[in-house]
């Protein structure tokens, strides 16, 4: 287990060591979240690297990663805990067979921690030999609004109250990262318990550095073209702008095709790696892609 960074610069270095190129403002917020032991709420478009921050912190700090992937209909049993009813029933039948089925004693026995099935939120309150885990609550905006109310106790006090068992509290607070793609607004009560950061698309220089780290085998000139193309593509009116993840995927695809430079035919053939909606592909394919490439090449020769 690595020690927590003791400065903003050390936080940037820690993230960079795991190939995450963070702006100083993001590194500052991450540093404060670690130092103040506060959950970090990351909001932004899909594919800008929100989830990756939790993975990188887990890797760089040597902490286990506990991930709760949110979805519509997520409930307490899937997110935090549920009782192992088959084992409880077996315990009751064994007690009955042995003639020791005292109701009061049985109630204490079957609602013991050994019959508890721990889900991600409860698992995150346990400290491993390498320290408290990194808890990733991913895409909270996909969960139903009532689920947010349950999270408040976890985020504020790093504990969960189980009516039959009592309060289970973390001996060491986990590092909590919450992400949202903002498909709906998250309640203020959740945000107040967190430090907040909007993760935006990177500028060209930082995106080029990200590509260089993630696809080191790519031709340098090709990488510059790809980043310039994607940067200009994001200014177009698209249903879904390509994220950094798509930039990396496109660079890998072009490298796999042994391309050293972009050309209109290759762009048209590989747009599905970069854009994920047919309407966007149809809008860019052909003359628009050629026009963007011309802008990129003109800038390179200017």
C-alpha atoms as a PDB file:
ATOM      1  CA  UNK A   1       0.000   0.000   0.000  1.00  0.00           C
ATOM      2  CA  UNK A   2       1.365   3.415  -0.979  1.00  0.00           C
ATOM      3  CA  UNK A   3       1.029   6.472   1.260  1.00  0.00           C
ATOM      4  CA  UNK A   4      -1.447   9.156   0.274  1.00  0.00           C
ATOM      5  CA  UNK A   5       0.109  12.058  -1.655  1.00  0.00           C
ATOM      6  CA  UNK A   6       1.118  15.011   0.526  1.00  0.00           C
ATOM      7  CA  UNK A   7       0.689  17.765  -2.067  1.00  0.00           C
ATOM      8  CA  UNK A   8      -1.081  18.667  -5.302  1.00  0.00           C
ATOM      9  CA  UNK A   9       2.114  18.063  -7.274  1.00  0.00           C
ATOM     10  CA  UNK A  10       2.494  14.640  -5.645  1.00  0.00           C
ATOM     11  CA  UNK A  11      -1.110  13.864  -6.591  1.00  0.00           C
ATOM     12  CA  UNK A  12      -0.427  14.748 -10.230  1.00  0.00           C
ATOM     13  CA  UNK A  13       2.681  12.569 -10.120  1.00  0.00           C
ATOM     14  CA  UNK A  14       0.720   9.700  -8.557  1.00  0.00           C
ATOM     15  CA  UNK A  15      -1.941   9.870 -11.273  1.00  0.00           C
ATOM     16  CA  UNK A  16       0.639  10.277 -14.036  1.00  0.00           C
ATOM     17  CA  UNK A  17       2.458   7.196 -12.734  1.00  0.00           C
ATOM     18  CA  UNK A  18      -0.641   5.216 -13.697  1.00  0.00           C
ATOM     19  CA  UNK A  19      -0.882   7.023 -17.072  1.00  0.00           C
ATOM     20  CA  UNK A  20      -3.671   9.400 -16.034  1.00  0.00           C
ATOM     21  CA  UNK A  21      -2.923  12.937 -17.248  1.00  0.00           C
ATOM     22  CA  UNK A  22      -4.792  15.227 -14.842  1.00  0.00           C
ATOM     23  CA  UNK A  23      -5.122  18.992 -14.980  1.00  0.00           C
ATOM     24  CA  UNK A  24      -3.901  20.865 -11.910  1.00  0.00           C
ATOM     25  CA  UNK A  25      -7.488  21.747 -10.921  1.00  0.00           C
ATOM     26  CA  UNK A  26      -8.528  18.073 -11.017  1.00  0.00           C
ATOM     27  CA  UNK A  27      -5.395  17.019  -9.123  1.00  0.00           C
ATOM     28  CA  UNK A  28      -6.195  19.686  -6.510  1.00  0.00           C
ATOM     29  CA  UNK A  29      -9.704  18.334  -5.991  1.00  0.00           C
ATOM     30  CA  UNK A  30      -8.467  14.733  -5.794  1.00  0.00           C
ATOM     31  CA  UNK A  31      -5.791  15.771  -3.279  1.00  0.00           C
ATOM     32  CA  UNK A  32      -8.370  17.571  -1.120  1.00  0.00           C
ATOM     33  CA  UNK A  33     -10.755  14.588  -1.246  1.00  0.00           C
ATOM     34  CA  UNK A  34      -7.974  12.264  -0.076  1.00  0.00           C
ATOM     35  CA  UNK A  35      -6.713  14.647   2.599  1.00  0.00           C
ATOM     36  CA  UNK A  36     -10.130  15.658   3.961  1.00  0.00           C
ATOM     37  CA  UNK A  37     -11.532  12.105   3.651  1.00  0.00           C
ATOM     38  CA  UNK A  38     -14.488  13.376   1.657  1.00  0.00           C
ATOM     39  CA  UNK A  39     -16.285  11.590  -1.184  1.00  0.00           C
ATOM     40  CA  UNK A  40     -15.446  12.953  -4.632  1.00  0.00           C
ATOM     41  CA  UNK A  41     -18.351  13.568  -7.014  1.00  0.00           C
ATOM     42  CA  UNK A  42     -17.249  13.631 -10.668  1.00  0.00           C
ATOM     43  CA  UNK A  43     -19.661  14.798 -13.323  1.00  0.00           C
ATOM     44  CA  UNK A  44     -19.154  15.101 -17.075  1.00  0.00           C
ATOM     45  CA  UNK A  45     -19.810  13.581 -20.452  1.00  0.00           C
ATOM     46  CA  UNK A  46     -19.294   9.861 -20.989  1.00  0.00           C
ATOM     47  CA  UNK A  47     -15.760   8.873 -21.931  1.00  0.00           C
ATOM     48  CA  UNK A  48     -13.854  11.778 -20.352  1.00  0.00           C
ATOM     49  CA  UNK A  49     -12.105   9.643 -17.711  1.00  0.00           C
ATOM     50  CA  UNK A  50     -14.280   9.857 -14.589  1.00  0.00           C
ATOM     51  CA  UNK A  51     -14.382   6.128 -13.844  1.00  0.00           C
ATOM     52  CA  UNK A  52     -10.702   5.839 -14.700  1.00  0.00           C
ATOM     53  CA  UNK A  53      -9.783   8.057 -11.740  1.00  0.00           C
ATOM     54  CA  UNK A  54     -11.087   5.464  -9.278  1.00  0.00           C
ATOM     55  CA  UNK A  55      -9.249   2.671 -11.096  1.00  0.00           C
ATOM     56  CA  UNK A  56      -6.029   4.680 -11.147  1.00  0.00           C
ATOM     57  CA  UNK A  57      -6.243   5.541  -7.435  1.00  0.00           C
ATOM     58  CA  UNK A  58      -6.817   1.874  -6.630  1.00  0.00           C
ATOM     59  CA  UNK A  59      -3.807   0.857  -8.707  1.00  0.00           C
ATOM     60  CA  UNK A  60      -1.491   3.667  -7.607  1.00  0.00           C
ATOM     61  CA  UNK A  61      -2.297   3.381  -3.891  1.00  0.00           C
ATOM     62  CA  UNK A  62      -2.436  -0.423  -3.832  1.00  0.00           C
ATOM     63  CA  UNK A  63      -6.005  -0.412  -2.519  1.00  0.00           C
ATOM     64  CA  UNK A  64      -8.746  -2.871  -3.532  1.00  0.00           C
ATOM     65  CA  UNK A  65     -11.389  -1.432  -5.865  1.00  0.00           C
ATOM     66  CA  UNK A  66     -15.021  -2.017  -4.892  1.00  0.00           C
ATOM     67  CA  UNK A  67     -17.358  -1.038  -7.724  1.00  0.00           C
ATOM     68  CA  UNK A  68     -21.079  -0.423  -7.523  1.00  0.00           C
ATOM     69  CA  UNK A  69     -22.428  -0.078 -11.052  1.00  0.00           C
ATOM     70  CA  UNK A  70     -25.711   1.810 -10.832  1.00  0.00           C
ATOM     71  CA  UNK A  71     -28.762   1.004 -12.937  1.00  0.00           C
ATOM     72  CA  UNK A  72     -32.505   1.595 -12.921  1.00  0.00           C
ATOM     73  CA  UNK A  73     -34.119  -0.495 -10.192  1.00  0.00           C
ATOM     74  CA  UNK A  74     -30.961  -0.772  -8.054  1.00  0.00           C
ATOM     75  CA  UNK A  75     -32.055  -1.579  -4.505  1.00  0.00           C
ATOM     76  CA  UNK A  76     -30.623  -2.061  -1.022  1.00  0.00           C
ATOM     77  CA  UNK A  77     -30.230  -5.816  -1.455  1.00  0.00           C
ATOM     78  CA  UNK A  78     -28.030  -5.386  -4.532  1.00  0.00           C
ATOM     79  CA  UNK A  79     -26.109  -2.333  -3.313  1.00  0.00           C
ATOM     80  CA  UNK A  80     -25.514  -2.901   0.409  1.00  0.00           C
ATOM     81  CA  UNK A  81     -26.636  -6.186   1.955  1.00  0.00           C
ATOM     82  CA  UNK A  82     -29.274  -8.857   2.238  1.00  0.00           C
ATOM     83  CA  UNK A  83     -29.855 -11.766   4.575  1.00  0.00           C
ATOM     84  CA  UNK A  84     -29.010 -15.278   3.464  1.00  0.00           C
ATOM     85  CA  UNK A  85     -32.547 -16.643   3.836  1.00  0.00           C
ATOM     86  CA  UNK A  86     -31.787 -20.265   2.783  1.00  0.00           C
ATOM     87  CA  UNK A  87     -29.068 -20.531   5.460  1.00  0.00           C
ATOM     88  CA  UNK A  88     -31.338 -18.906   8.040  1.00  0.00           C
ATOM     89  CA  UNK A  89     -34.118 -21.394   7.274  1.00  0.00           C
ATOM     90  CA  UNK A  90     -31.660 -24.266   7.545  1.00  0.00           C
ATOM     91  CA  UNK A  91     -30.538 -22.975  10.947  1.00  0.00           C
ATOM     92  CA  UNK A  92     -34.144 -22.805  12.124  1.00  0.00           C
ATOM     93  CA  UNK A  93     -34.854 -26.380  10.968  1.00  0.00           C
ATOM     94  CA  UNK A  94     -31.712 -27.661  12.659  1.00  0.00           C
ATOM     95  CA  UNK A  95     -32.751 -25.950  15.888  1.00  0.00           C
ATOM     96  CA  UNK A  96     -36.240 -27.440  15.629  1.00  0.00           C
ATOM     97  CA  UNK A  97     -34.819 -30.895  15.007  1.00  0.00           C
ATOM     98  CA  UNK A  98     -32.549 -30.527  18.030  1.00  0.00           C
ATOM     99  CA  UNK A  99     -35.463 -29.323  20.163  1.00  0.00           C
ATOM    100  CA  UNK A 100     -33.793 -25.984  20.889  1.00  0.00           C
ATOM    101  CA  UNK A 101     -36.061 -23.767  18.807  1.00  0.00           C
ATOM    102  CA  UNK A 102     -36.462 -20.971  21.346  1.00  0.00           C
ATOM    103  CA  UNK A 103     -37.831 -17.951  19.442  1.00  0.00           C
ATOM    104  CA  UNK A 104     -35.761 -15.320  21.240  1.00  0.00           C
ATOM    105  CA  UNK A 105     -32.506 -17.227  20.982  1.00  0.00           C
ATOM    106  CA  UNK A 106     -33.150 -18.103  17.340  1.00  0.00           C
ATOM    107  CA  UNK A 107     -33.775 -14.457  16.445  1.00  0.00           C
ATOM    108  CA  UNK A 108     -30.361 -13.526  17.848  1.00  0.00           C
ATOM    109  CA  UNK A 109     -28.704 -16.465  16.117  1.00  0.00           C
ATOM    110  CA  UNK A 110     -30.077 -16.116  12.601  1.00  0.00           C
ATOM    111  CA  UNK A 111     -29.573 -12.357  12.458  1.00  0.00           C
ATOM    112  CA  UNK A 112     -25.875 -12.717  13.001  1.00  0.00           C
ATOM    113  CA  UNK A 113     -23.200 -11.359  10.667  1.00  0.00           C
ATOM    114  CA  UNK A 114     -22.415 -14.891   9.463  1.00  0.00           C
ATOM    115  CA  UNK A 115     -25.803 -14.895   7.688  1.00  0.00           C
ATOM    116  CA  UNK A 116     -25.210 -11.487   6.073  1.00  0.00           C
ATOM    117  CA  UNK A 117     -24.504 -11.282   2.341  1.00  0.00           C
ATOM    118  CA  UNK A 118     -22.327  -8.213   1.871  1.00  0.00           C
ATOM    119  CA  UNK A 119     -22.759  -6.190  -1.283  1.00  0.00           C
ATOM    120  CA  UNK A 120     -20.421  -3.407  -2.545  1.00  0.00           C
ATOM    121  CA  UNK A 121     -21.390  -0.624  -0.111  1.00  0.00           C
ATOM    122  CA  UNK A 122     -20.960  -2.875   2.921  1.00  0.00           C
ATOM    123  CA  UNK A 123     -17.793  -4.440   1.510  1.00  0.00           C
ATOM    124  CA  UNK A 124     -16.309  -0.955   1.161  1.00  0.00           C
ATOM    125  CA  UNK A 125     -16.588  -0.406   4.936  1.00  0.00           C
ATOM    126  CA  UNK A 126     -14.161  -3.265   5.588  1.00  0.00           C
ATOM    127  CA  UNK A 127     -10.451  -2.525   5.794  1.00  0.00           C
ATOM    128  CA  UNK A 128      -8.214  -4.955   3.922  1.00  0.00           C
ATOM    129  CA  UNK A 129      -4.541  -5.675   4.749  1.00  0.00           C
ATOM    130  CA  UNK A 130      -3.639  -3.011   2.172  1.00  0.00           C
ATOM    131  CA  UNK A 131      -5.940  -0.390   3.680  1.00  0.00           C
ATOM    132  CA  UNK A 132      -9.440   0.944   3.122  1.00  0.00           C
ATOM    133  CA  UNK A 133     -10.708   0.254  -0.399  1.00  0.00           C
ATOM    134  CA  UNK A 134     -11.559   2.650  -3.187  1.00  0.00           C
ATOM    135  CA  UNK A 135     -15.359   2.643  -3.516  1.00  0.00           C
ATOM    136  CA  UNK A 136     -16.552   3.517  -7.016  1.00  0.00           C
ATOM    137  CA  UNK A 137     -20.254   4.378  -7.257  1.00  0.00           C
ATOM    138  CA  UNK A 138     -20.437   4.500 -11.024  1.00  0.00           C
ATOM    139  CA  UNK A 139     -23.097   6.357 -13.041  1.00  0.00           C
ATOM    140  CA  UNK A 140     -25.296   7.306 -10.092  1.00  0.00           C
ATOM    141  CA  UNK A 141     -27.594   9.150 -12.490  1.00  0.00           C
ATOM    142  CA  UNK A 142     -28.737   5.773 -13.831  1.00  0.00           C
ATOM    143  CA  UNK A 143     -30.159   4.732 -10.434  1.00  0.00           C
ATOM    144  CA  UNK A 144     -33.599   5.793  -9.238  1.00  0.00           C
ATOM    145  CA  UNK A 145     -33.802   8.958  -7.134  1.00  0.00           C
ATOM    146  CA  UNK A 146     -34.974   7.167  -3.921  1.00  0.00           C
ATOM    147  CA  UNK A 147     -31.705   5.217  -3.874  1.00  0.00           C
ATOM    148  CA  UNK A 148     -29.803   8.461  -3.284  1.00  0.00           C
ATOM    149  CA  UNK A 149     -31.449   8.834   0.143  1.00  0.00           C
ATOM    150  CA  UNK A 150     -29.895   5.576   1.316  1.00  0.00           C
ATOM    151  CA  UNK A 151     -26.454   6.767   0.250  1.00  0.00           C
ATOM    152  CA  UNK A 152     -26.528   9.759   2.597  1.00  0.00           C
ATOM    153  CA  UNK A 153     -25.560   7.751   5.691  1.00  0.00           C
ATOM    154  CA  UNK A 154     -22.698   6.087   3.835  1.00  0.00           C
ATOM    155  CA  UNK A 155     -21.359   9.352   2.417  1.00  0.00           C
ATOM    156  CA  UNK A 156     -21.682  11.366   5.634  1.00  0.00           C
ATOM    157  CA  UNK A 157     -20.596   8.864   8.285  1.00  0.00           C
ATOM    158  CA  UNK A 158     -19.133   5.901   6.358  1.00  0.00           C
ATOM    159  CA  UNK A 159     -21.583   3.571   8.048  1.00  0.00           C
ATOM    160  CA  UNK A 160     -24.679   1.492   7.339  1.00  0.00           C
ATOM    161  CA  UNK A 161     -27.486   0.853   9.818  1.00  0.00           C
ATOM    162  CA  UNK A 162     -28.914  -2.667   9.642  1.00  0.00           C
ATOM    163  CA  UNK A 163     -32.122  -2.830  11.731  1.00  0.00           C
ATOM    164  CA  UNK A 164     -31.609  -6.444  12.880  1.00  0.00           C
ATOM    165  CA  UNK A 165     -27.892  -6.039  13.578  1.00  0.00           C
ATOM    166  CA  UNK A 166     -27.119  -2.408  14.372  1.00  0.00           C
ATOM    167  CA  UNK A 167     -24.638   0.064  12.925  1.00  0.00           C
ATOM    168  CA  UNK A 168     -21.657  -1.159  10.909  1.00  0.00           C
ATOM    169  CA  UNK A 169     -19.087   1.619  10.668  1.00  0.00           C
ATOM    170  CA  UNK A 170     -15.800   1.733   8.777  1.00  0.00           C
ATOM    171  CA  UNK A 171     -12.721   1.755  11.001  1.00  0.00           C
ATOM    172  CA  UNK A 172     -10.944   3.624   8.188  1.00  0.00           C
ATOM    173  CA  UNK A 173     -13.021   5.646   5.695  1.00  0.00           C
ATOM    174  CA  UNK A 174     -12.908   4.288   2.153  1.00  0.00           C
ATOM    175  CA  UNK A 175     -11.876   6.529  -0.728  1.00  0.00           C
ATOM    176  CA  UNK A 176     -15.234   7.235  -2.390  1.00  0.00           C
ATOM    177  CA  UNK A 177     -15.560   8.242  -6.043  1.00  0.00           C
ATOM    178  CA  UNK A 178     -19.039   8.915  -7.447  1.00  0.00           C
ATOM    179  CA  UNK A 179     -19.563   9.484 -11.161  1.00  0.00           C
ATOM    180  CA  UNK A 180     -22.485  10.857 -13.137  1.00  0.00           C
ATOM    181  CA  UNK A 181     -23.014  11.422 -16.870  1.00  0.00           C
ATOM    182  CA  UNK A 182     -25.717  13.952 -15.949  1.00  0.00           C
ATOM    183  CA  UNK A 183     -28.583  12.181 -17.667  1.00  0.00           C
ATOM    184  CA  UNK A 184     -30.543  13.590 -14.716  1.00  0.00           C
ATOM    185  CA  UNK A 185     -29.719  15.895 -11.826  1.00  0.00           C
ATOM    186  CA  UNK A 186     -28.420  14.351  -8.608  1.00  0.00           C
ATOM    187  CA  UNK A 187     -30.019  15.630  -5.392  1.00  0.00           C
ATOM    188  CA  UNK A 188     -28.250  18.459  -3.573  1.00  0.00           C
ATOM    189  CA  UNK A 189     -28.132  16.366  -0.379  1.00  0.00           C
ATOM    190  CA  UNK A 190     -25.708  13.969  -2.086  1.00  0.00           C
ATOM    191  CA  UNK A 191     -23.580  16.727  -3.599  1.00  0.00           C
ATOM    192  CA  UNK A 192     -23.291  18.589  -0.264  1.00  0.00           C
ATOM    193  CA  UNK A 193     -21.561  15.585   1.255  1.00  0.00           C
ATOM    194  CA  UNK A 194     -18.970  15.478  -1.523  1.00  0.00           C
ATOM    195  CA  UNK A 195     -16.305  17.547  -3.168  1.00  0.00           C
ATOM    196  CA  UNK A 196     -17.446  18.294  -6.712  1.00  0.00           C
ATOM    197  CA  UNK A 197     -15.573  18.448  -9.997  1.00  0.00           C
ATOM    198  CA  UNK A 198     -16.765  18.739 -13.590  1.00  0.00           C
ATOM    199  CA  UNK A 199     -14.520  16.609 -15.800  1.00  0.00           C
ATOM    200  CA  UNK A 200     -14.412  18.311 -19.181  1.00  0.00           C
ATOM    201  CA  UNK A 201     -12.904  17.305 -22.494  1.00  0.00           C
ATOM    202  CA  UNK A 202      -9.141  17.969 -22.424  1.00  0.00           C
ATOM    203  CA  UNK A 203      -7.473  20.579 -24.585  1.00  0.00           C
ATOM    204  CA  UNK A 204      -5.397  19.396 -27.558  1.00  0.00           C
ATOM    205  CA  UNK A 205      -2.078  19.381 -25.720  1.00  0.00           C
ATOM    206  CA  UNK A 206      -3.348  17.287 -22.815  1.00  0.00           C
ATOM    207  CA  UNK A 207      -5.281  14.936 -25.105  1.00  0.00           C
ATOM    208  CA  UNK A 208      -2.147  14.387 -27.173  1.00  0.00           C
ATOM    209  CA  UNK A 209      -0.236  13.520 -24.006  1.00  0.00           C
ATOM    210  CA  UNK A 210      -2.974  11.078 -23.020  1.00  0.00           C
ATOM    211  CA  UNK A 211      -2.814   9.390 -26.445  1.00  0.00           C
ATOM    212  CA  UNK A 212       0.978   9.196 -26.241  1.00  0.00           C
ATOM    213  CA  UNK A 213       0.725   7.416 -22.881  1.00  0.00           C
ATOM    214  CA  UNK A 214      -2.131   5.085 -23.815  1.00  0.00           C
ATOM    215  CA  UNK A 215      -1.008   4.255 -27.370  1.00  0.00           C
ATOM    216  CA  UNK A 216       2.785   4.657 -27.259  1.00  0.00           C
ATOM    217  CA  UNK A 217       3.240   2.563 -30.405  1.00  0.00           C
ATOM    218  CA  UNK A 218       1.254   5.044 -32.521  1.00  0.00           C
ATOM    219  CA  UNK A 219       3.046   7.234 -35.050  1.00  0.00           C
ATOM    220  CA  UNK A 220       3.560  10.711 -33.528  1.00  0.00           C
ATOM    221  CA  UNK A 221       2.339  12.574 -36.627  1.00  0.00           C
ATOM    222  CA  UNK A 222      -0.756  10.369 -36.826  1.00  0.00           C
ATOM    223  CA  UNK A 223      -1.522  10.978 -33.143  1.00  0.00           C
ATOM    224  CA  UNK A 224      -1.366  14.743 -33.696  1.00  0.00           C
ATOM    225  CA  UNK A 225      -3.727  14.456 -36.673  1.00  0.00           C
ATOM    226  CA  UNK A 226      -6.156  12.294 -34.711  1.00  0.00           C
ATOM    227  CA  UNK A 227      -6.258  14.695 -31.765  1.00  0.00           C
ATOM    228  CA  UNK A 228      -6.692  17.745 -34.014  1.00  0.00           C
ATOM    229  CA  UNK A 229      -9.464  15.961 -35.940  1.00  0.00           C
ATOM    230  CA  UNK A 230     -11.304  14.972 -32.756  1.00  0.00           C
ATOM    231  CA  UNK A 231     -10.906  18.453 -31.249  1.00  0.00           C
ATOM    232  CA  UNK A 232     -12.522  19.969 -34.358  1.00  0.00           C
ATOM    233  CA  UNK A 233     -15.165  17.242 -34.467  1.00  0.00           C
ATOM    234  CA  UNK A 234     -16.314  18.266 -30.979  1.00  0.00           C
ATOM    235  CA  UNK A 235     -17.229  21.706 -32.328  1.00  0.00           C
ATOM    236  CA  UNK A 236     -19.755  20.126 -34.703  1.00  0.00           C
ATOM    237  CA  UNK A 237     -23.409  19.662 -33.831  1.00  0.00           C
ATOM    238  CA  UNK A 238     -23.445  15.976 -32.930  1.00  0.00           C
ATOM    239  CA  UNK A 239     -25.794  13.880 -30.813  1.00  0.00           C
ATOM    240  CA  UNK A 240     -22.823  12.452 -28.875  1.00  0.00           C
ATOM    241  CA  UNK A 241     -19.405  14.051 -28.948  1.00  0.00           C
ATOM    242  CA  UNK A 242     -16.493  11.575 -28.934  1.00  0.00           C
ATOM    243  CA  UNK A 243     -14.768  11.264 -25.560  1.00  0.00           C
ATOM    244  CA  UNK A 244     -11.134  10.664 -24.767  1.00  0.00           C
ATOM    245  CA  UNK A 245     -11.848   6.930 -24.704  1.00  0.00           C
ATOM    246  CA  UNK A 246     -12.965   7.135 -28.344  1.00  0.00           C
ATOM    247  CA  UNK A 247      -9.856   9.130 -29.299  1.00  0.00           C
ATOM    248  CA  UNK A 248      -7.706   6.375 -27.806  1.00  0.00           C
ATOM    249  CA  UNK A 249      -9.729   3.637 -29.528  1.00  0.00           C
ATOM    250  CA  UNK A 250      -9.493   5.384 -32.907  1.00  0.00           C
ATOM    251  CA  UNK A 251      -5.735   5.818 -32.554  1.00  0.00           C
ATOM    252  CA  UNK A 252      -5.377   2.121 -31.711  1.00  0.00           C
ATOM    253  CA  UNK A 253      -7.568   1.148 -34.676  1.00  0.00           C
ATOM    254  CA  UNK A 254      -5.573   3.294 -37.105  1.00  0.00           C
ATOM    255  CA  UNK A 255      -2.316   1.905 -35.714  1.00  0.00           C
ATOM    256  CA  UNK A 256      -3.642  -1.637 -36.169  1.00  0.00           C
ATOM    257  CA  UNK A 257      -4.285  -0.721 -39.817  1.00  0.00           C
ATOM    258  CA  UNK A 258      -0.640   0.435 -40.112  1.00  0.00           C
ATOM    259  CA  UNK A 259      -1.707   3.982 -40.959  1.00  0.00           C
ATOM    260  CA  UNK A 260       0.859   6.764 -40.694  1.00  0.00           C
ATOM    261  CA  UNK A 261      -1.527   9.583 -41.647  1.00  0.00           C
ATOM    262  CA  UNK A 262      -5.250  10.223 -41.983  1.00  0.00           C
ATOM    263  CA  UNK A 263      -6.913  10.134 -45.388  1.00  0.00           C
ATOM    264  CA  UNK A 264     -10.608  10.578 -46.316  1.00  0.00           C
ATOM    265  CA  UNK A 265     -11.176   6.912 -47.168  1.00  0.00           C
ATOM    266  CA  UNK A 266      -9.715   5.637 -43.893  1.00  0.00           C
ATOM    267  CA  UNK A 267     -11.720   8.176 -41.891  1.00  0.00           C
ATOM    268  CA  UNK A 268     -14.952   7.065 -43.545  1.00  0.00           C
ATOM    269  CA  UNK A 269     -14.130   3.399 -42.989  1.00  0.00           C
ATOM    270  CA  UNK A 270     -13.293   3.803 -39.288  1.00  0.00           C
ATOM    271  CA  UNK A 271     -15.786   6.427 -38.079  1.00  0.00           C
ATOM    272  CA  UNK A 272     -17.660   3.726 -36.173  1.00  0.00           C
ATOM    273  CA  UNK A 273     -14.709   3.552 -33.787  1.00  0.00           C
ATOM    274  CA  UNK A 274     -15.057   7.249 -33.043  1.00  0.00           C
ATOM    275  CA  UNK A 275     -18.796   7.948 -33.287  1.00  0.00           C
ATOM    276  CA  UNK A 276     -21.457   5.682 -31.802  1.00  0.00           C
ATOM    277  CA  UNK A 277     -24.649   6.932 -33.474  1.00  0.00           C
ATOM    278  CA  UNK A 278     -25.499   6.391 -37.136  1.00  0.00           C
ATOM    279  CA  UNK A 279     -26.956   9.894 -37.505  1.00  0.00           C
ATOM    280  CA  UNK A 280     -23.613  11.361 -36.379  1.00  0.00           C
ATOM    281  CA  UNK A 281     -21.664   9.078 -38.722  1.00  0.00           C
ATOM    282  CA  UNK A 282     -23.916  10.030 -41.661  1.00  0.00           C
ATOM    283  CA  UNK A 283     -23.470  13.726 -40.859  1.00  0.00           C
ATOM    284  CA  UNK A 284     -19.651  13.531 -40.801  1.00  0.00           C
ATOM    285  CA  UNK A 285     -18.961  10.868 -43.413  1.00  0.00           C
ATOM    286  CA  UNK A 286     -17.865  12.084 -46.818  1.00  0.00           C
ATOM    287  CA  UNK A 287     -17.503  15.789 -47.532  1.00  0.00           C
ATOM    288  CA  UNK A 288     -17.649  16.940 -43.896  1.00  0.00           C
ATOM    289  CA  UNK A 289     -14.883  14.533 -42.852  1.00  0.00           C
ATOM    290  CA  UNK A 290     -12.787  15.701 -45.830  1.00  0.00           C
ATOM    291  CA  UNK A 291     -13.358  19.334 -44.834  1.00  0.00           C
ATOM    292  CA  UNK A 292     -12.250  18.693 -41.240  1.00  0.00           C
ATOM    293  CA  UNK A 293      -9.177  16.823 -42.469  1.00  0.00           C
ATOM    294  CA  UNK A 294      -8.334  19.756 -44.733  1.00  0.00           C
ATOM    295  CA  UNK A 295      -8.519  22.094 -41.732  1.00  0.00           C
ATOM    296  CA  UNK A 296      -6.213  19.777 -39.772  1.00  0.00           C
ATOM    297  CA  UNK A 297      -3.680  19.568 -42.610  1.00  0.00           C
ATOM    298  CA  UNK A 298      -3.810  23.329 -43.215  1.00  0.00           C
ATOM    299  CA  UNK A 299      -3.037  23.968 -39.558  1.00  0.00           C
ATOM    300  CA  UNK A 300      -0.130  21.503 -39.681  1.00  0.00           C
ATOM    301  CA  UNK A 301       1.480  23.299 -42.625  1.00  0.00           C
ATOM    302  CA  UNK A 302       0.752  26.814 -41.376  1.00  0.00           C
END
